[in-house]
């Protein structure tokens, strides 16, 4: 995993990333530049160049690597806000941009605050997998083509609002799971038990055995409901269900190995929270 070469003081990565994210989000002021007489593309190019120059001036590697990613996500968030108020057929895509950028940035921020020992550049989840990238690109292509051919399909506001609620629910549940698990949470399934690893069964873990997966499951499907993407909506639902079915079984094998009977009793009491997924089967 790509990480930070030298461990900075506790909390410094969180503060650095937050400052960079807010700097990127300052693209919200771009309309002021266009009103001052600059053309839209010229103003945007100057803004992006100025941001990168400022980051290069302020930070050295590896802190620059953190800052440029957080700034990029803040920039996407700011552009999403602007697009959301554009009063065009792209306004719901603006909601999506805000949701996507906040998800990836908050993954890094919560890890930096909650479990800094496992923090790395991979905590942004920007390079999650090839499949994740292909899925995202597919949803953008579908939205663009359908918006050009059938723009009325993308203006079903009540459906997009329902998707937004799913996204907010999933995001909040996942972050609650990360905070509740504390240092026990890791983006990578652990095959060896650390000395500090404990079985968390309180908070949202009293509702679901895998609340972070439940949150991500509904978040990902919610993004496609928000975009009114019928093809990717079905595709995402099937794909993420299969992914979390396999991921849950893989993780539970390790958890049973780590905690034995304690986890088996917990497994009997609490469901996974994922529809039609019961977790690994245990033969007695």
Protein backbone atom coordinates (compact mmCIF):
# COMPACT_ATOMS: atom_id res chain seq x y z
CA UNK A 1 0.00 0.00 0.00
CA UNK A 2 1.21 3.46 -0.80
CA UNK A 3 1.78 5.32 2.42
CA UNK A 4 3.40 8.34 3.94
CA UNK A 5 7.16 8.03 4.13
CA UNK A 6 7.53 9.65 7.52
CA UNK A 7 4.95 9.58 10.26
CA UNK A 8 3.75 13.08 10.96
CA UNK A 9 2.46 14.28 14.35
CA UNK A 10 -0.96 12.82 15.29
CA UNK A 11 -3.82 14.53 13.52
CA UNK A 12 -1.62 16.44 11.07
CA UNK A 13 -2.77 14.40 8.05
CA UNK A 14 -6.39 15.08 8.95
CA UNK A 15 -5.78 18.83 9.24
CA UNK A 16 -3.72 18.89 6.05
CA UNK A 17 -6.34 17.00 4.06
CA UNK A 18 -9.18 19.16 5.39
CA UNK A 19 -7.36 22.37 4.47
CA UNK A 20 -6.65 21.02 0.98
CA UNK A 21 -10.23 19.83 0.52
CA UNK A 22 -11.59 23.25 1.45
CA UNK A 23 -9.06 24.88 -0.85
CA UNK A 24 -10.31 22.76 -3.73
CA UNK A 25 -13.93 23.51 -2.81
CA UNK A 26 -13.18 27.21 -3.19
CA UNK A 27 -13.98 26.65 -6.88
CA UNK A 28 -17.40 27.79 -5.68
CA UNK A 29 -16.01 31.30 -6.11
CA UNK A 30 -15.36 30.71 -9.81
CA UNK A 31 -18.54 32.54 -10.91
CA UNK A 32 -17.02 35.69 -9.41
CA UNK A 33 -14.11 35.42 -11.84
CA UNK A 34 -16.42 35.01 -14.82
CA UNK A 35 -18.37 38.05 -13.73
CA UNK A 36 -15.09 39.95 -13.63
CA UNK A 37 -14.78 39.44 -17.38
CA UNK A 38 -12.87 36.14 -17.71
CA UNK A 39 -14.33 33.47 -19.98
CA UNK A 40 -15.49 30.30 -18.21
CA UNK A 41 -12.80 27.95 -19.59
CA UNK A 42 -10.06 30.51 -19.14
CA UNK A 43 -11.09 31.17 -15.54
CA UNK A 44 -11.23 27.43 -14.81
CA UNK A 45 -7.79 26.78 -16.35
CA UNK A 46 -6.23 29.64 -14.39
CA UNK A 47 -7.90 28.47 -11.21
CA UNK A 48 -6.67 24.87 -11.54
CA UNK A 49 -3.13 25.99 -12.42
CA UNK A 50 -3.13 28.37 -9.47
CA UNK A 51 -4.31 25.65 -7.09
CA UNK A 52 -1.58 23.23 -8.13
CA UNK A 53 1.11 25.92 -7.95
CA UNK A 54 -0.03 26.81 -4.43
CA UNK A 55 0.04 23.17 -3.32
CA UNK A 56 3.54 22.72 -4.76
CA UNK A 57 4.66 25.83 -2.94
CA UNK A 58 3.15 24.84 0.41
CA UNK A 59 3.89 21.11 0.55
CA UNK A 60 6.68 18.69 -0.20
CA UNK A 61 6.28 14.97 -0.87
CA UNK A 62 4.72 12.97 0.69
CA UNK A 63 2.43 15.70 2.09
CA UNK A 64 1.86 17.04 -1.41
CA UNK A 65 0.47 13.62 -2.40
CA UNK A 66 -2.12 13.89 0.36
CA UNK A 67 -2.93 17.51 -0.40
CA UNK A 68 -3.37 17.09 -4.15
CA UNK A 69 -5.84 14.22 -3.68
CA UNK A 70 -7.86 16.02 -1.03
CA UNK A 71 -7.81 19.22 -3.10
CA UNK A 72 -9.01 17.33 -6.17
CA UNK A 73 -11.92 15.85 -4.19
CA UNK A 74 -12.78 19.29 -2.83
CA UNK A 75 -12.68 20.65 -6.38
CA UNK A 76 -15.09 17.92 -7.55
CA UNK A 77 -17.36 18.68 -4.61
CA UNK A 78 -17.38 22.40 -5.41
CA UNK A 79 -18.10 21.74 -9.09
CA UNK A 80 -20.91 19.43 -8.01
CA UNK A 81 -22.48 22.18 -5.92
CA UNK A 82 -22.29 24.61 -8.83
CA UNK A 83 -23.82 22.04 -11.17
CA UNK A 84 -26.58 21.28 -8.66
CA UNK A 85 -27.79 24.88 -8.94
CA UNK A 86 -27.36 25.12 -12.71
CA UNK A 87 -31.08 24.58 -13.40
CA UNK A 88 -30.24 22.20 -16.22
CA UNK A 89 -30.71 18.49 -16.90
CA UNK A 90 -27.30 17.98 -15.26
CA UNK A 91 -28.29 19.20 -11.79
CA UNK A 92 -28.76 15.68 -10.40
CA UNK A 93 -25.32 14.76 -11.69
CA UNK A 94 -24.11 17.60 -9.47
CA UNK A 95 -25.69 15.80 -6.51
CA UNK A 96 -23.79 12.69 -7.57
CA UNK A 97 -20.47 14.55 -7.79
CA UNK A 98 -20.93 15.90 -4.27
CA UNK A 99 -21.82 12.44 -2.94
CA UNK A 100 -18.90 10.71 -4.66
CA UNK A 101 -16.27 13.24 -3.61
CA UNK A 102 -17.51 13.38 0.00
CA UNK A 103 -17.49 9.58 0.23
CA UNK A 104 -13.87 9.25 -0.88
CA UNK A 105 -12.61 12.20 1.12
CA UNK A 106 -14.41 11.16 4.32
CA UNK A 107 -12.92 7.66 4.05
CA UNK A 108 -9.47 9.24 4.38
CA UNK A 109 -10.47 11.79 7.01
CA UNK A 110 -12.20 9.31 9.32
CA UNK A 111 -9.28 6.89 9.03
CA UNK A 112 -6.84 9.72 9.84
CA UNK A 113 -8.82 10.61 12.95
CA UNK A 114 -9.91 7.15 14.02
CA UNK A 115 -7.12 4.76 13.08
CA UNK A 116 -4.03 6.71 11.95
CA UNK A 117 -1.81 3.62 12.16
CA UNK A 118 -3.57 2.14 9.12
CA UNK A 119 -3.63 5.45 7.22
CA UNK A 120 -2.16 5.59 3.71
CA UNK A 121 -2.87 7.23 0.39
CA UNK A 122 -4.99 4.18 -0.39
CA UNK A 123 -7.37 5.31 2.36
CA UNK A 124 -8.91 7.69 -0.17
CA UNK A 125 -10.08 4.54 -2.01
CA UNK A 126 -9.48 6.34 -5.31
CA UNK A 127 -7.66 3.28 -6.66
CA UNK A 128 -10.07 0.77 -5.11
CA UNK A 129 -10.09 -1.66 -8.06
CA UNK A 130 -10.36 -1.83 -11.83
CA UNK A 131 -13.94 -3.06 -11.49
CA UNK A 132 -14.87 -0.07 -9.34
CA UNK A 133 -13.40 2.32 -11.91
CA UNK A 134 -15.18 0.61 -14.81
CA UNK A 135 -18.47 0.72 -12.89
CA UNK A 136 -18.11 4.45 -12.22
CA UNK A 137 -17.21 5.22 -15.84
CA UNK A 138 -20.16 3.12 -17.05
CA UNK A 139 -22.57 5.14 -14.93
CA UNK A 140 -21.18 8.41 -16.31
CA UNK A 141 -21.52 7.17 -19.88
CA UNK A 142 -25.07 5.95 -19.30
CA UNK A 143 -26.12 9.23 -17.70
CA UNK A 144 -24.58 11.29 -20.52
CA UNK A 145 -26.12 9.26 -23.35
CA UNK A 146 -29.56 9.10 -21.77
CA UNK A 147 -29.41 12.79 -20.90
CA UNK A 148 -28.68 13.65 -24.53
CA UNK A 149 -31.31 11.29 -25.98
CA UNK A 150 -34.03 11.40 -23.34
CA UNK A 151 -33.37 14.37 -21.03
CA UNK A 152 -36.80 14.01 -19.41
CA UNK A 153 -35.65 10.64 -18.02
CA UNK A 154 -33.10 12.49 -15.87
CA UNK A 155 -35.62 14.93 -14.40
CA UNK A 156 -37.60 12.53 -12.20
CA UNK A 157 -36.91 14.60 -9.10
CA UNK A 158 -38.71 12.37 -6.60
CA UNK A 159 -36.65 9.36 -7.75
CA UNK A 160 -33.39 11.32 -7.53
CA UNK A 161 -34.40 12.53 -4.07
CA UNK A 162 -35.00 8.92 -3.01
CA UNK A 163 -31.54 8.04 -4.28
CA UNK A 164 -30.08 10.95 -2.34
CA UNK A 165 -31.72 9.66 0.85
CA UNK A 166 -30.22 6.22 0.21
CA UNK A 167 -26.80 7.81 -0.29
CA UNK A 168 -27.05 9.86 2.93
CA UNK A 169 -28.25 6.83 4.90
CA UNK A 170 -25.48 4.61 3.54
CA UNK A 171 -22.79 7.23 4.11
CA UNK A 172 -23.87 7.91 7.69
CA UNK A 173 -24.13 4.21 8.53
CA UNK A 174 -20.70 3.43 7.12
CA UNK A 175 -19.00 6.29 8.94
CA UNK A 176 -20.81 5.38 12.17
CA UNK A 177 -19.42 1.86 11.77
CA UNK A 178 -15.91 3.18 11.24
CA UNK A 179 -16.08 5.39 14.34
CA UNK A 180 -17.61 2.62 16.45
CA UNK A 181 -14.98 0.08 15.42
CA UNK A 182 -12.15 2.55 16.03
CA UNK A 183 -8.73 0.98 15.50
CA UNK A 184 -10.41 -2.35 14.73
CA UNK A 185 -11.59 -1.00 11.37
CA UNK A 186 -9.38 -1.51 8.34
CA UNK A 187 -10.02 -1.13 4.62
CA UNK A 188 -8.22 -4.43 4.02
CA UNK A 189 -9.51 -7.75 5.38
CA UNK A 190 -7.02 -8.85 8.04
CA UNK A 191 -5.68 -12.41 8.01
CA UNK A 192 -3.72 -12.07 11.23
CA UNK A 193 -5.10 -10.85 14.54
CA UNK A 194 -3.29 -7.89 16.07
CA UNK A 195 -2.81 -7.57 19.83
CA UNK A 196 -5.33 -4.72 20.03
CA UNK A 197 -7.99 -6.34 17.83
CA UNK A 198 -11.25 -6.82 19.72
CA UNK A 199 -14.71 -7.97 18.64
CA UNK A 200 -17.00 -4.95 18.43
CA UNK A 201 -20.67 -5.75 19.11
CA UNK A 202 -22.02 -2.42 20.36
CA UNK A 203 -23.51 0.61 18.61
CA UNK A 204 -24.40 -0.05 14.97
CA UNK A 205 -22.71 -3.45 15.30
CA UNK A 206 -25.60 -4.45 17.55
CA UNK A 207 -27.90 -3.93 14.54
CA UNK A 208 -25.79 -5.49 11.79
CA UNK A 209 -22.67 -7.65 11.77
CA UNK A 210 -21.28 -5.70 8.83
CA UNK A 211 -22.69 -2.15 9.06
CA UNK A 212 -19.90 -0.62 6.95
CA UNK A 213 -20.77 -3.02 4.11
CA UNK A 214 -24.48 -2.35 4.53
CA UNK A 215 -23.79 1.38 4.28
CA UNK A 216 -21.63 1.03 1.19
CA UNK A 217 -24.19 -1.33 -0.39
CA UNK A 218 -27.04 1.16 -0.15
CA UNK A 219 -24.77 4.12 -0.94
CA UNK A 220 -23.62 2.59 -4.22
CA UNK A 221 -27.12 1.64 -5.36
CA UNK A 222 -28.40 5.03 -4.22
CA UNK A 223 -25.98 6.83 -6.53
CA UNK A 224 -27.59 5.15 -9.54
CA UNK A 225 -31.12 5.80 -8.31
CA UNK A 226 -30.07 9.43 -7.90
CA UNK A 227 -28.84 9.52 -11.49
CA UNK A 228 -31.99 7.73 -12.75
CA UNK A 229 -29.71 5.18 -14.43
CA UNK A 230 -31.88 2.10 -15.08
CA UNK A 231 -29.13 -0.06 -16.60
CA UNK A 232 -26.41 0.71 -14.06
CA UNK A 233 -29.03 0.67 -11.29
CA UNK A 234 -29.70 -3.02 -11.93
CA UNK A 235 -26.05 -3.73 -12.73
CA UNK A 236 -24.79 -2.08 -9.53
CA UNK A 237 -27.35 -3.92 -7.38
CA UNK A 238 -26.30 -7.33 -8.73
CA UNK A 239 -22.58 -6.57 -8.72
CA UNK A 240 -22.30 -5.09 -5.24
CA UNK A 241 -24.52 -7.84 -3.81
CA UNK A 242 -22.19 -10.48 -5.19
CA UNK A 243 -19.11 -8.55 -4.06
CA UNK A 244 -20.33 -8.20 -0.48
CA UNK A 245 -21.53 -11.81 -0.35
CA UNK A 246 -17.97 -12.97 -1.13
CA UNK A 247 -16.35 -10.27 1.01
CA UNK A 248 -18.53 -11.12 4.02
CA UNK A 249 -17.68 -14.81 3.81
CA UNK A 250 -13.97 -14.05 3.47
CA UNK A 251 -14.01 -11.72 6.49
CA UNK A 252 -16.06 -14.04 8.67
CA UNK A 253 -13.62 -16.90 8.14
CA UNK A 254 -10.94 -14.67 9.67
CA UNK A 255 -13.22 -13.46 12.47
CA UNK A 256 -14.14 -17.01 13.46
CA UNK A 257 -10.44 -17.85 13.48
CA UNK A 258 -9.70 -14.79 15.66
CA UNK A 259 -12.57 -14.99 18.15
CA UNK A 260 -13.94 -18.52 17.90
CA UNK A 261 -17.09 -19.21 19.91
CA UNK A 262 -17.48 -15.53 20.82
CA UNK A 263 -18.00 -14.62 17.17
CA UNK A 264 -20.23 -17.63 16.49
CA UNK A 265 -22.58 -16.53 19.28
CA UNK A 266 -22.59 -13.00 17.91
CA UNK A 267 -23.30 -14.39 14.44
CA UNK A 268 -26.37 -16.23 15.75
CA UNK A 269 -27.79 -13.09 17.38
CA UNK A 270 -27.14 -10.41 14.77
CA UNK A 271 -27.84 -10.49 11.00
CA UNK A 272 -25.37 -9.29 8.39
CA UNK A 273 -27.76 -6.50 7.40
CA UNK A 274 -27.27 -7.29 3.71
CA UNK A 275 -30.32 -8.68 1.88
CA UNK A 276 -30.23 -12.47 1.38
CA UNK A 277 -26.66 -12.70 2.67
CA UNK A 278 -26.17 -14.79 5.82
CA UNK A 279 -22.40 -14.93 5.86
CA UNK A 280 -20.13 -17.95 5.96
CA UNK A 281 -21.79 -21.28 6.70
CA UNK A 282 -20.43 -23.07 9.73
CA UNK A 283 -20.74 -26.83 9.96
CA UNK A 284 -21.10 -28.02 13.54
